[in-house]
Amino acid sequence: PNNWDYHKYMPELETLQNRGYCLGF
């Protein structure tokens, strides 16, 4: 957990067609 970085995974999620992402509530 100490070396975890979400930037590693976002490129994969960005390959999905989307309306733009948000953090919800």
mmCIF file of all heavy atoms, coordinates in Angstrom:
data_MODEL
# 
_entry.id   MODEL 
# 
loop_
_atom_site.group_PDB 
_atom_site.id 
_atom_site.type_symbol 
_atom_site.label_atom_id 
_atom_site.label_alt_id 
_atom_site.label_comp_id 
_atom_site.label_asym_id 
_atom_site.label_entity_id 
_atom_site.label_seq_id 
_atom_site.pdbx_PDB_ins_code 
_atom_site.Cartn_x 
_atom_site.Cartn_y 
_atom_site.Cartn_z 
_atom_site.occupancy 
_atom_site.B_iso_or_equiv 
_atom_site.pdbx_formal_charge 
_atom_site.auth_seq_id 
_atom_site.auth_comp_id 
_atom_site.auth_asym_id 
_atom_site.auth_atom_id 
_atom_site.pdbx_PDB_model_num 
ATOM 1   N N   . PRO A 1 1  ? 0.798   -1.231 0.000   1.00 0.00 ? 1  PRO A N   1 
ATOM 2   C CA  . PRO A 1 1  ? 0.000   0.000  0.000   1.00 0.00 ? 1  PRO A CA  1 
ATOM 3   C C   . PRO A 1 1  ? 0.827   1.276  0.000   1.00 0.00 ? 1  PRO A C   1 
ATOM 4   O O   . PRO A 1 1  ? 0.391   2.297  -0.541  1.00 0.00 ? 1  PRO A O   1 
ATOM 5   C CB  . PRO A 1 1  ? -0.827  -0.118 1.288   1.00 0.00 ? 1  PRO A CB  1 
ATOM 6   C CG  . PRO A 1 1  ? -0.061  -1.061 2.150   1.00 0.00 ? 1  PRO A CG  1 
ATOM 7   C CD  . PRO A 1 1  ? 0.588   -2.030 1.212   1.00 0.00 ? 1  PRO A CD  1 
ATOM 8   N N   . ASN A 1 2  ? 2.004   1.243  0.558   1.00 0.00 ? 2  ASN A N   1 
ATOM 9   C CA  . ASN A 1 2  ? 2.815   2.459  0.665   1.00 0.00 ? 2  ASN A CA  1 
ATOM 10  C C   . ASN A 1 2  ? 3.340   2.941  -0.683  1.00 0.00 ? 2  ASN A C   1 
ATOM 11  O O   . ASN A 1 2  ? 3.599   4.133  -0.867  1.00 0.00 ? 2  ASN A O   1 
ATOM 12  C CB  . ASN A 1 2  ? 3.989   2.232  1.617   1.00 0.00 ? 2  ASN A CB  1 
ATOM 13  C CG  . ASN A 1 2  ? 3.533   2.043  3.059   1.00 0.00 ? 2  ASN A CG  1 
ATOM 14  O OD1 . ASN A 1 2  ? 2.516   2.594  3.464   1.00 0.00 ? 2  ASN A OD1 1 
ATOM 15  N ND2 . ASN A 1 2  ? 4.263   1.239  3.815   1.00 0.00 ? 2  ASN A ND2 1 
ATOM 16  N N   . ASN A 1 3  ? 3.525   2.038  -1.613  1.00 0.00 ? 3  ASN A N   1 
ATOM 17  C CA  . ASN A 1 3  ? 4.068   2.410  -2.930  1.00 0.00 ? 3  ASN A CA  1 
ATOM 18  C C   . ASN A 1 3  ? 3.010   2.352  -4.032  1.00 0.00 ? 3  ASN A C   1 
ATOM 19  O O   . ASN A 1 3  ? 3.344   2.350  -5.216  1.00 0.00 ? 3  ASN A O   1 
ATOM 20  C CB  . ASN A 1 3  ? 5.238   1.494  -3.291  1.00 0.00 ? 3  ASN A CB  1 
ATOM 21  C CG  . ASN A 1 3  ? 6.439   1.726  -2.384  1.00 0.00 ? 3  ASN A CG  1 
ATOM 22  O OD1 . ASN A 1 3  ? 6.756   2.868  -2.055  1.00 0.00 ? 3  ASN A OD1 1 
ATOM 23  N ND2 . ASN A 1 3  ? 7.088   0.650  -1.963  1.00 0.00 ? 3  ASN A ND2 1 
ATOM 24  N N   . TRP A 1 4  ? 1.754   2.323  -3.644  1.00 0.00 ? 4  TRP A N   1 
ATOM 25  C CA  . TRP A 1 4  ? 0.659   2.222  -4.620  1.00 0.00 ? 4  TRP A CA  1 
ATOM 26  C C   . TRP A 1 4  ? 0.412   3.579  -5.271  1.00 0.00 ? 4  TRP A C   1 
ATOM 27  O O   . TRP A 1 4  ? 0.407   4.613  -4.596  1.00 0.00 ? 4  TRP A O   1 
ATOM 28  C CB  . TRP A 1 4  ? -0.606  1.749  -3.911  1.00 0.00 ? 4  TRP A CB  1 
ATOM 29  C CG  . TRP A 1 4  ? -1.726  1.357  -4.811  1.00 0.00 ? 4  TRP A CG  1 
ATOM 30  C CD1 . TRP A 1 4  ? -1.985  0.128  -5.315  1.00 0.00 ? 4  TRP A CD1 1 
ATOM 31  C CD2 . TRP A 1 4  ? -2.774  2.212  -5.283  1.00 0.00 ? 4  TRP A CD2 1 
ATOM 32  N NE1 . TRP A 1 4  ? -3.125  0.151  -6.083  1.00 0.00 ? 4  TRP A NE1 1 
ATOM 33  C CE2 . TRP A 1 4  ? -3.627  1.422  -6.077  1.00 0.00 ? 4  TRP A CE2 1 
ATOM 34  C CE3 . TRP A 1 4  ? -3.072  3.568  -5.107  1.00 0.00 ? 4  TRP A CE3 1 
ATOM 35  C CZ2 . TRP A 1 4  ? -4.760  1.942  -6.702  1.00 0.00 ? 4  TRP A CZ2 1 
ATOM 36  C CZ3 . TRP A 1 4  ? -4.192  4.091  -5.746  1.00 0.00 ? 4  TRP A CZ3 1 
ATOM 37  C CH2 . TRP A 1 4  ? -5.024  3.280  -6.523  1.00 0.00 ? 4  TRP A CH2 1 
ATOM 38  N N   . ASP A 1 5  ? 0.214   3.597  -6.585  1.00 0.00 ? 5  ASP A N   1 
ATOM 39  C CA  . ASP A 1 5  ? 0.011   4.848  -7.325  1.00 0.00 ? 5  ASP A CA  1 
ATOM 40  C C   . ASP A 1 5  ? -1.058  4.617  -8.390  1.00 0.00 ? 5  ASP A C   1 
ATOM 41  O O   . ASP A 1 5  ? -0.892  3.785  -9.285  1.00 0.00 ? 5  ASP A O   1 
ATOM 42  C CB  . ASP A 1 5  ? 1.322   5.293  -7.978  1.00 0.00 ? 5  ASP A CB  1 
ATOM 43  C CG  . ASP A 1 5  ? 1.205   6.642  -8.680  1.00 0.00 ? 5  ASP A CG  1 
ATOM 44  O OD1 . ASP A 1 5  ? 0.083   7.192  -8.750  1.00 0.00 ? 5  ASP A OD1 1 
ATOM 45  O OD2 . ASP A 1 5  ? 2.228   7.142  -9.187  1.00 0.00 ? 5  ASP A OD2 1 
ATOM 46  N N   . TYR A 1 6  ? -2.157  5.355  -8.285  1.00 0.00 ? 6  TYR A N   1 
ATOM 47  C CA  . TYR A 1 6  ? -3.278  5.132  -9.206  1.00 0.00 ? 6  TYR A CA  1 
ATOM 48  C C   . TYR A 1 6  ? -2.936  5.470  -10.655 1.00 0.00 ? 6  TYR A C   1 
ATOM 49  O O   . TYR A 1 6  ? -3.597  4.990  -11.597 1.00 0.00 ? 6  TYR A O   1 
ATOM 50  C CB  . TYR A 1 6  ? -4.507  5.926  -8.748  1.00 0.00 ? 6  TYR A CB  1 
ATOM 51  C CG  . TYR A 1 6  ? -4.509  7.384  -9.090  1.00 0.00 ? 6  TYR A CG  1 
ATOM 52  C CD1 . TYR A 1 6  ? -5.052  7.840  -10.300 1.00 0.00 ? 6  TYR A CD1 1 
ATOM 53  C CD2 . TYR A 1 6  ? -4.008  8.340  -8.211  1.00 0.00 ? 6  TYR A CD2 1 
ATOM 54  C CE1 . TYR A 1 6  ? -5.077  9.182  -10.612 1.00 0.00 ? 6  TYR A CE1 1 
ATOM 55  C CE2 . TYR A 1 6  ? -4.038  9.690  -8.523  1.00 0.00 ? 6  TYR A CE2 1 
ATOM 56  C CZ  . TYR A 1 6  ? -4.579  10.108 -9.718  1.00 0.00 ? 6  TYR A CZ  1 
ATOM 57  O OH  . TYR A 1 6  ? -4.605  11.430 -10.037 1.00 0.00 ? 6  TYR A OH  1 
ATOM 58  N N   . HIS A 1 7  ? -1.913  6.277  -10.885 1.00 0.00 ? 7  HIS A N   1 
ATOM 59  C CA  . HIS A 1 7  ? -1.554  6.645  -12.263 1.00 0.00 ? 7  HIS A CA  1 
ATOM 60  C C   . HIS A 1 7  ? -1.177  5.423  -13.099 1.00 0.00 ? 7  HIS A C   1 
ATOM 61  O O   . HIS A 1 7  ? -1.285  5.451  -14.332 1.00 0.00 ? 7  HIS A O   1 
ATOM 62  C CB  . HIS A 1 7  ? -0.392  7.641  -12.257 1.00 0.00 ? 7  HIS A CB  1 
ATOM 63  C CG  . HIS A 1 7  ? -0.751  8.979  -11.685 1.00 0.00 ? 7  HIS A CG  1 
ATOM 64  N ND1 . HIS A 1 7  ? -0.572  9.290  -10.346 1.00 0.00 ? 7  HIS A ND1 1 
ATOM 65  C CD2 . HIS A 1 7  ? -1.305  10.082 -12.249 1.00 0.00 ? 7  HIS A CD2 1 
ATOM 66  C CE1 . HIS A 1 7  ? -0.971  10.535 -10.130 1.00 0.00 ? 7  HIS A CE1 1 
ATOM 67  N NE2 . HIS A 1 7  ? -1.421  11.037 -11.264 1.00 0.00 ? 7  HIS A NE2 1 
ATOM 68  N N   . LYS A 1 8  ? -0.741  4.370  -12.447 1.00 0.00 ? 8  LYS A N   1 
ATOM 69  C CA  . LYS A 1 8  ? -0.365  3.144  -13.162 1.00 0.00 ? 8  LYS A CA  1 
ATOM 70  C C   . LYS A 1 8  ? -1.571  2.527  -13.866 1.00 0.00 ? 8  LYS A C   1 
ATOM 71  O O   . LYS A 1 8  ? -1.413  1.888  -14.924 1.00 0.00 ? 8  LYS A O   1 
ATOM 72  C CB  . LYS A 1 8  ? 0.232   2.139  -12.172 1.00 0.00 ? 8  LYS A CB  1 
ATOM 73  C CG  . LYS A 1 8  ? 0.498   0.752  -12.740 1.00 0.00 ? 8  LYS A CG  1 
ATOM 74  C CD  . LYS A 1 8  ? 1.047   -0.182 -11.663 1.00 0.00 ? 8  LYS A CD  1 
ATOM 75  C CE  . LYS A 1 8  ? 1.238   -1.595 -12.203 1.00 0.00 ? 8  LYS A CE  1 
ATOM 76  N NZ  . LYS A 1 8  ? 1.751   -2.513 -11.145 1.00 0.00 ? 8  LYS A NZ  1 
ATOM 77  N N   . TYR A 1 9  ? -2.768  2.728  -13.337 1.00 0.00 ? 9  TYR A N   1 
ATOM 78  C CA  . TYR A 1 9  ? -3.953  2.006  -13.812 1.00 0.00 ? 9  TYR A CA  1 
ATOM 79  C C   . TYR A 1 9  ? -4.888  2.859  -14.669 1.00 0.00 ? 9  TYR A C   1 
ATOM 80  O O   . TYR A 1 9  ? -5.692  2.313  -15.425 1.00 0.00 ? 9  TYR A O   1 
ATOM 81  C CB  . TYR A 1 9  ? -4.731  1.461  -12.603 1.00 0.00 ? 9  TYR A CB  1 
ATOM 82  C CG  . TYR A 1 9  ? -3.831  0.804  -11.590 1.00 0.00 ? 9  TYR A CG  1 
ATOM 83  C CD1 . TYR A 1 9  ? -3.418  1.484  -10.444 1.00 0.00 ? 9  TYR A CD1 1 
ATOM 84  C CD2 . TYR A 1 9  ? -3.336  -0.482 -11.800 1.00 0.00 ? 9  TYR A CD2 1 
ATOM 85  C CE1 . TYR A 1 9  ? -2.568  0.890  -9.530  1.00 0.00 ? 9  TYR A CE1 1 
ATOM 86  C CE2 . TYR A 1 9  ? -2.475  -1.081 -10.885 1.00 0.00 ? 9  TYR A CE2 1 
ATOM 87  C CZ  . TYR A 1 9  ? -2.096  -0.389 -9.754  1.00 0.00 ? 9  TYR A CZ  1 
ATOM 88  O OH  . TYR A 1 9  ? -1.235  -0.963 -8.858  1.00 0.00 ? 9  TYR A OH  1 
ATOM 89  N N   . MET A 1 10 ? -4.764  4.180  -14.576 1.00 0.00 ? 10 MET A N   1 
ATOM 90  C CA  . MET A 1 10 ? -5.686  5.037  -15.301 1.00 0.00 ? 10 MET A CA  1 
ATOM 91  C C   . MET A 1 10 ? -5.603  4.888  -16.822 1.00 0.00 ? 10 MET A C   1 
ATOM 92  O O   . MET A 1 10 ? -6.638  4.958  -17.500 1.00 0.00 ? 10 MET A O   1 
ATOM 93  C CB  . MET A 1 10 ? -5.475  6.500  -14.901 1.00 0.00 ? 10 MET A CB  1 
ATOM 94  C CG  . MET A 1 10 ? -6.029  6.870  -13.535 1.00 0.00 ? 10 MET A CG  1 
ATOM 95  S SD  . MET A 1 10 ? -7.777  6.455  -13.300 1.00 0.00 ? 10 MET A SD  1 
ATOM 96  C CE  . MET A 1 10 ? -8.535  7.371  -14.640 1.00 0.00 ? 10 MET A CE  1 
ATOM 97  N N   . PRO A 1 11 ? -4.414  4.680  -17.412 1.00 0.00 ? 11 PRO A N   1 
ATOM 98  C CA  . PRO A 1 11 ? -4.386  4.511  -18.869 1.00 0.00 ? 11 PRO A CA  1 
ATOM 99  C C   . PRO A 1 11 ? -5.284  3.383  -19.368 1.00 0.00 ? 11 PRO A C   1 
ATOM 100 O O   . PRO A 1 11 ? -5.872  3.486  -20.453 1.00 0.00 ? 11 PRO A O   1 
ATOM 101 C CB  . PRO A 1 11 ? -2.902  4.228  -19.161 1.00 0.00 ? 11 PRO A CB  1 
ATOM 102 C CG  . PRO A 1 11 ? -2.178  4.923  -18.059 1.00 0.00 ? 11 PRO A CG  1 
ATOM 103 C CD  . PRO A 1 11 ? -3.045  4.743  -16.852 1.00 0.00 ? 11 PRO A CD  1 
ATOM 104 N N   . GLU A 1 12 ? -5.414  2.309  -18.577 1.00 0.00 ? 12 GLU A N   1 
ATOM 105 C CA  . GLU A 1 12 ? -6.300  1.216  -18.973 1.00 0.00 ? 12 GLU A CA  1 
ATOM 106 C C   . GLU A 1 12 ? -7.765  1.663  -18.935 1.00 0.00 ? 12 GLU A C   1 
ATOM 107 O O   . GLU A 1 12 ? -8.526  1.392  -19.865 1.00 0.00 ? 12 GLU A O   1 
ATOM 108 C CB  . GLU A 1 12 ? -6.100  0.009  -18.053 1.00 0.00 ? 12 GLU A CB  1 
ATOM 109 C CG  . GLU A 1 12 ? -4.887  -0.825 -18.376 1.00 0.00 ? 12 GLU A CG  1 
ATOM 110 C CD  . GLU A 1 12 ? -5.003  -1.492 -19.744 1.00 0.00 ? 12 GLU A CD  1 
ATOM 111 O OE1 . GLU A 1 12 ? -5.985  -2.237 -19.969 1.00 0.00 ? 12 GLU A OE1 1 
ATOM 112 O OE2 . GLU A 1 12 ? -4.129  -1.262 -20.598 1.00 0.00 ? 12 GLU A OE2 1 
ATOM 113 N N   . LEU A 1 13 ? -8.157  2.342  -17.875 1.00 0.00 ? 13 LEU A N   1 
ATOM 114 C CA  . LEU A 1 13 ? -9.541  2.790  -17.767 1.00 0.00 ? 13 LEU A CA  1 
ATOM 115 C C   . LEU A 1 13 ? -9.871  3.837  -18.819 1.00 0.00 ? 13 LEU A C   1 
ATOM 116 O O   . LEU A 1 13 ? -11.028 3.977  -19.229 1.00 0.00 ? 13 LEU A O   1 
ATOM 117 C CB  . LEU A 1 13 ? -9.806  3.349  -16.365 1.00 0.00 ? 13 LEU A CB  1 
ATOM 118 C CG  . LEU A 1 13 ? -9.685  2.338  -15.216 1.00 0.00 ? 13 LEU A CG  1 
ATOM 119 C CD1 . LEU A 1 13 ? -9.957  3.025  -13.880 1.00 0.00 ? 13 LEU A CD1 1 
ATOM 120 C CD2 . LEU A 1 13 ? -10.628 1.155  -15.409 1.00 0.00 ? 13 LEU A CD2 1 
ATOM 121 N N   . GLU A 1 14 ? -8.870  4.568  -19.266 1.00 0.00 ? 14 GLU A N   1 
ATOM 122 C CA  . GLU A 1 14 ? -9.093  5.584  -20.300 1.00 0.00 ? 14 GLU A CA  1 
ATOM 123 C C   . GLU A 1 14 ? -9.262  4.983  -21.683 1.00 0.00 ? 14 GLU A C   1 
ATOM 124 O O   . GLU A 1 14 ? -9.643  5.695  -22.626 1.00 0.00 ? 14 GLU A O   1 
ATOM 125 C CB  . GLU A 1 14 ? -7.946  6.594  -20.282 1.00 0.00 ? 14 GLU A CB  1 
ATOM 126 C CG  . GLU A 1 14 ? -8.010  7.524  -19.069 1.00 0.00 ? 14 GLU A CG  1 
ATOM 127 C CD  . GLU A 1 14 ? -6.734  8.322  -18.855 1.00 0.00 ? 14 GLU A CD  1 
ATOM 128 O OE1 . GLU A 1 14 ? -5.756  8.081  -19.590 1.00 0.00 ? 14 GLU A OE1 1 
ATOM 129 O OE2 . GLU A 1 14 ? -6.713  9.172  -17.941 1.00 0.00 ? 14 GLU A OE2 1 
ATOM 130 N N   . THR A 1 15 ? -8.996  3.689  -21.846 1.00 0.00 ? 15 THR A N   1 
ATOM 131 C CA  . THR A 1 15 ? -9.276  3.044  -23.133 1.00 0.00 ? 15 THR A CA  1 
ATOM 132 C C   . THR A 1 15 ? -10.765 2.757  -23.300 1.00 0.00 ? 15 THR A C   1 
ATOM 133 O O   . THR A 1 15 ? -11.202 2.376  -24.388 1.00 0.00 ? 15 THR A O   1 
ATOM 134 C CB  . THR A 1 15 ? -8.501  1.726  -23.296 1.00 0.00 ? 15 THR A CB  1 
ATOM 135 O OG1 . THR A 1 15 ? -8.987  0.751  -22.360 1.00 0.00 ? 15 THR A OG1 1 
ATOM 136 C CG2 . THR A 1 15 ? -7.016  1.933  -23.100 1.00 0.00 ? 15 THR A CG2 1 
ATOM 137 N N   . LEU A 1 16 ? -11.535 2.931  -22.231 1.00 0.00 ? 16 LEU A N   1 
ATOM 138 C CA  . LEU A 1 16 ? -12.977 2.751  -22.320 1.00 0.00 ? 16 LEU A CA  1 
ATOM 139 C C   . LEU A 1 16 ? -13.630 4.021  -22.855 1.00 0.00 ? 16 LEU A C   1 
ATOM 140 O O   . LEU A 1 16 ? -13.223 5.128  -22.509 1.00 0.00 ? 16 LEU A O   1 
ATOM 141 C CB  . LEU A 1 16 ? -13.559 2.451  -20.935 1.00 0.00 ? 16 LEU A CB  1 
ATOM 142 C CG  . LEU A 1 16 ? -13.194 1.113  -20.316 1.00 0.00 ? 16 LEU A CG  1 
ATOM 143 C CD1 . LEU A 1 16 ? -13.604 1.097  -18.848 1.00 0.00 ? 16 LEU A CD1 1 
ATOM 144 C CD2 . LEU A 1 16 ? -13.857 -0.033 -21.062 1.00 0.00 ? 16 LEU A CD2 1 
ATOM 145 N N   . GLN A 1 17 ? -14.633 3.863  -23.689 1.00 0.00 ? 17 GLN A N   1 
ATOM 146 C CA  . GLN A 1 17 ? -15.437 5.002  -24.084 1.00 0.00 ? 17 GLN A CA  1 
ATOM 147 C C   . GLN A 1 17 ? -16.117 5.559  -22.835 1.00 0.00 ? 17 GLN A C   1 
ATOM 148 O O   . GLN A 1 17 ? -16.730 4.812  -22.063 1.00 0.00 ? 17 GLN A O   1 
ATOM 149 C CB  . GLN A 1 17 ? -16.493 4.569  -25.104 1.00 0.00 ? 17 GLN A CB  1 
ATOM 150 C CG  . GLN A 1 17 ? -15.935 3.931  -26.367 1.00 0.00 ? 17 GLN A CG  1 
ATOM 151 C CD  . GLN A 1 17 ? -15.435 4.959  -27.356 1.00 0.00 ? 17 GLN A CD  1 
ATOM 152 O OE1 . GLN A 1 17 ? -16.109 5.948  -27.624 1.00 0.00 ? 17 GLN A OE1 1 
ATOM 153 N NE2 . GLN A 1 17 ? -14.277 4.730  -27.932 1.00 0.00 ? 17 GLN A NE2 1 
ATOM 154 N N   . ASN A 1 18 ? -16.026 6.866  -22.596 1.00 0.00 ? 18 ASN A N   1 
ATOM 155 C CA  . ASN A 1 18 ? -16.618 7.439  -21.394 1.00 0.00 ? 18 ASN A CA  1 
ATOM 156 C C   . ASN A 1 18 ? -17.035 8.888  -21.633 1.00 0.00 ? 18 ASN A C   1 
ATOM 157 O O   . ASN A 1 18 ? -16.660 9.496  -22.627 1.00 0.00 ? 18 ASN A O   1 
ATOM 158 C CB  . ASN A 1 18 ? -15.646 7.330  -20.211 1.00 0.00 ? 18 ASN A CB  1 
ATOM 159 C CG  . ASN A 1 18 ? -14.386 8.139  -20.414 1.00 0.00 ? 18 ASN A CG  1 
ATOM 160 O OD1 . ASN A 1 18 ? -14.368 9.348  -20.187 1.00 0.00 ? 18 ASN A OD1 1 
ATOM 161 N ND2 . ASN A 1 18 ? -13.303 7.486  -20.857 1.00 0.00 ? 18 ASN A ND2 1 
ATOM 162 N N   . ARG A 1 19 ? -17.793 9.427  -20.680 1.00 0.00 ? 19 ARG A N   1 
ATOM 163 C CA  . ARG A 1 19 ? -18.271 10.809 -20.776 1.00 0.00 ? 19 ARG A CA  1 
ATOM 164 C C   . ARG A 1 19 ? -17.369 11.765 -20.024 1.00 0.00 ? 19 ARG A C   1 
ATOM 165 O O   . ARG A 1 19 ? -17.750 12.897 -19.731 1.00 0.00 ? 19 ARG A O   1 
ATOM 166 C CB  . ARG A 1 19 ? -19.699 10.911 -20.205 1.00 0.00 ? 19 ARG A CB  1 
ATOM 167 C CG  . ARG A 1 19 ? -20.721 10.037 -20.910 1.00 0.00 ? 19 ARG A CG  1 
ATOM 168 C CD  . ARG A 1 19 ? -22.096 10.184 -20.258 1.00 0.00 ? 19 ARG A CD  1 
ATOM 169 N NE  . ARG A 1 19 ? -23.053 9.283  -20.869 1.00 0.00 ? 19 ARG A NE  1 
ATOM 170 C CZ  . ARG A 1 19 ? -23.298 8.049  -20.471 1.00 0.00 ? 19 ARG A CZ  1 
ATOM 171 N NH1 . ARG A 1 19 ? -22.636 7.561  -19.433 1.00 0.00 ? 19 ARG A NH1 1 
ATOM 172 N NH2 . ARG A 1 19 ? -24.173 7.300  -21.076 1.00 0.00 ? 19 ARG A NH2 1 
ATOM 173 N N   . GLY A 1 20 ? -16.181 11.309 -19.687 1.00 0.00 ? 20 GLY A N   1 
ATOM 174 C CA  . GLY A 1 20 ? -15.328 12.034 -18.766 1.00 0.00 ? 20 GLY A CA  1 
ATOM 175 C C   . GLY A 1 20 ? -15.548 11.463 -17.378 1.00 0.00 ? 20 GLY A C   1 
ATOM 176 O O   . GLY A 1 20 ? -16.649 11.047 -17.028 1.00 0.00 ? 20 GLY A O   1 
ATOM 177 N N   . TYR A 1 21 ? -14.489 11.411 -16.569 1.00 0.00 ? 21 TYR A N   1 
ATOM 178 C CA  . TYR A 1 21 ? -14.583 10.812 -15.245 1.00 0.00 ? 21 TYR A CA  1 
ATOM 179 C C   . TYR A 1 21 ? -14.727 11.875 -14.160 1.00 0.00 ? 21 TYR A C   1 
ATOM 180 O O   . TYR A 1 21 ? -14.235 12.998 -14.290 1.00 0.00 ? 21 TYR A O   1 
ATOM 181 C CB  . TYR A 1 21 ? -13.353 9.954  -14.964 1.00 0.00 ? 21 TYR A CB  1 
ATOM 182 C CG  . TYR A 1 21 ? -13.312 8.655  -15.732 1.00 0.00 ? 21 TYR A CG  1 
ATOM 183 C CD1 . TYR A 1 21 ? -12.153 8.248  -16.401 1.00 0.00 ? 21 TYR A CD1 1 
ATOM 184 C CD2 . TYR A 1 21 ? -14.429 7.820  -15.777 1.00 0.00 ? 21 TYR A CD2 1 
ATOM 185 C CE1 . TYR A 1 21 ? -12.112 7.047  -17.099 1.00 0.00 ? 21 TYR A CE1 1 
ATOM 186 C CE2 . TYR A 1 21 ? -14.398 6.618  -16.483 1.00 0.00 ? 21 TYR A CE2 1 
ATOM 187 C CZ  . TYR A 1 21 ? -13.227 6.242  -17.141 1.00 0.00 ? 21 TYR A CZ  1 
ATOM 188 O OH  . TYR A 1 21 ? -13.200 5.048  -17.819 1.00 0.00 ? 21 TYR A OH  1 
ATOM 189 N N   . CYS A 1 22 ? -15.383 11.470 -13.077 1.00 0.00 ? 22 CYS A N   1 
ATOM 190 C CA  . CYS A 1 22 ? -15.465 12.302 -11.881 1.00 0.00 ? 22 CYS A CA  1 
ATOM 191 C C   . CYS A 1 22 ? -15.368 11.396 -10.661 1.00 0.00 ? 22 CYS A C   1 
ATOM 192 O O   . CYS A 1 22 ? -15.383 10.168 -10.777 1.00 0.00 ? 22 CYS A O   1 
ATOM 193 C CB  . CYS A 1 22 ? -16.763 13.120 -11.857 1.00 0.00 ? 22 CYS A CB  1 
ATOM 194 S SG  . CYS A 1 22 ? -18.249 12.150 -11.506 1.00 0.00 ? 22 CYS A SG  1 
ATOM 195 N N   . LEU A 1 23 ? -15.289 11.992 -9.486  1.00 0.00 ? 23 LEU A N   1 
ATOM 196 C CA  . LEU A 1 23 ? -15.162 11.233 -8.240  1.00 0.00 ? 23 LEU A CA  1 
ATOM 197 C C   . LEU A 1 23 ? -16.503 11.047 -7.539  1.00 0.00 ? 23 LEU A C   1 
ATOM 198 O O   . LEU A 1 23 ? -16.539 10.637 -6.376  1.00 0.00 ? 23 LEU A O   1 
ATOM 199 C CB  . LEU A 1 23 ? -14.184 11.944 -7.293  1.00 0.00 ? 23 LEU A CB  1 
ATOM 200 C CG  . LEU A 1 23 ? -12.743 12.066 -7.797  1.00 0.00 ? 23 LEU A CG  1 
ATOM 201 C CD1 . LEU A 1 23 ? -11.935 12.941 -6.849  1.00 0.00 ? 23 LEU A CD1 1 
ATOM 202 C CD2 . LEU A 1 23 ? -12.098 10.694 -7.948  1.00 0.00 ? 23 LEU A CD2 1 
ATOM 203 N N   . GLY A 1 24 ? -17.594 11.302 -8.254  1.00 0.00 ? 24 GLY A N   1 
ATOM 204 C CA  . GLY A 1 24 ? -18.896 11.172 -7.627  1.00 0.00 ? 24 GLY A CA  1 
ATOM 205 C C   . GLY A 1 24 ? -18.995 12.065 -6.400  1.00 0.00 ? 24 GLY A C   1 
ATOM 206 O O   . GLY A 1 24 ? -18.526 13.194 -6.384  1.00 0.00 ? 24 GLY A O   1 
ATOM 207 N N   . PHE A 1 25 ? -19.591 11.543 -5.334  1.00 0.00 ? 25 PHE A N   1 
ATOM 208 C CA  . PHE A 1 25 ? -19.745 12.286 -4.084  1.00 0.00 ? 25 PHE A CA  1 
ATOM 209 C C   . PHE A 1 25 ? -18.642 11.956 -3.088  1.00 0.00 ? 25 PHE A C   1 
ATOM 210 O O   . PHE A 1 25 ? -18.728 12.360 -1.921  1.00 0.00 ? 25 PHE A O   1 
ATOM 211 C CB  . PHE A 1 25 ? -21.099 11.969 -3.447  1.00 0.00 ? 25 PHE A CB  1 
ATOM 212 C CG  . PHE A 1 25 ? -22.280 12.493 -4.231  1.00 0.00 ? 25 PHE A CG  1 
ATOM 213 C CD1 . PHE A 1 25 ? -22.827 11.751 -5.256  1.00 0.00 ? 25 PHE A CD1 1 
ATOM 214 C CD2 . PHE A 1 25 ? -22.841 13.722 -3.928  1.00 0.00 ? 25 PHE A CD2 1 
ATOM 215 C CE1 . PHE A 1 25 ? -23.915 12.213 -5.975  1.00 0.00 ? 25 PHE A CE1 1 
ATOM 216 C CE2 . PHE A 1 25 ? -23.929 14.198 -4.639  1.00 0.00 ? 25 PHE A CE2 1 
ATOM 217 C CZ  . PHE A 1 25 ? -24.472 13.448 -5.666  1.00 0.00 ? 25 PHE A CZ  1 
# 
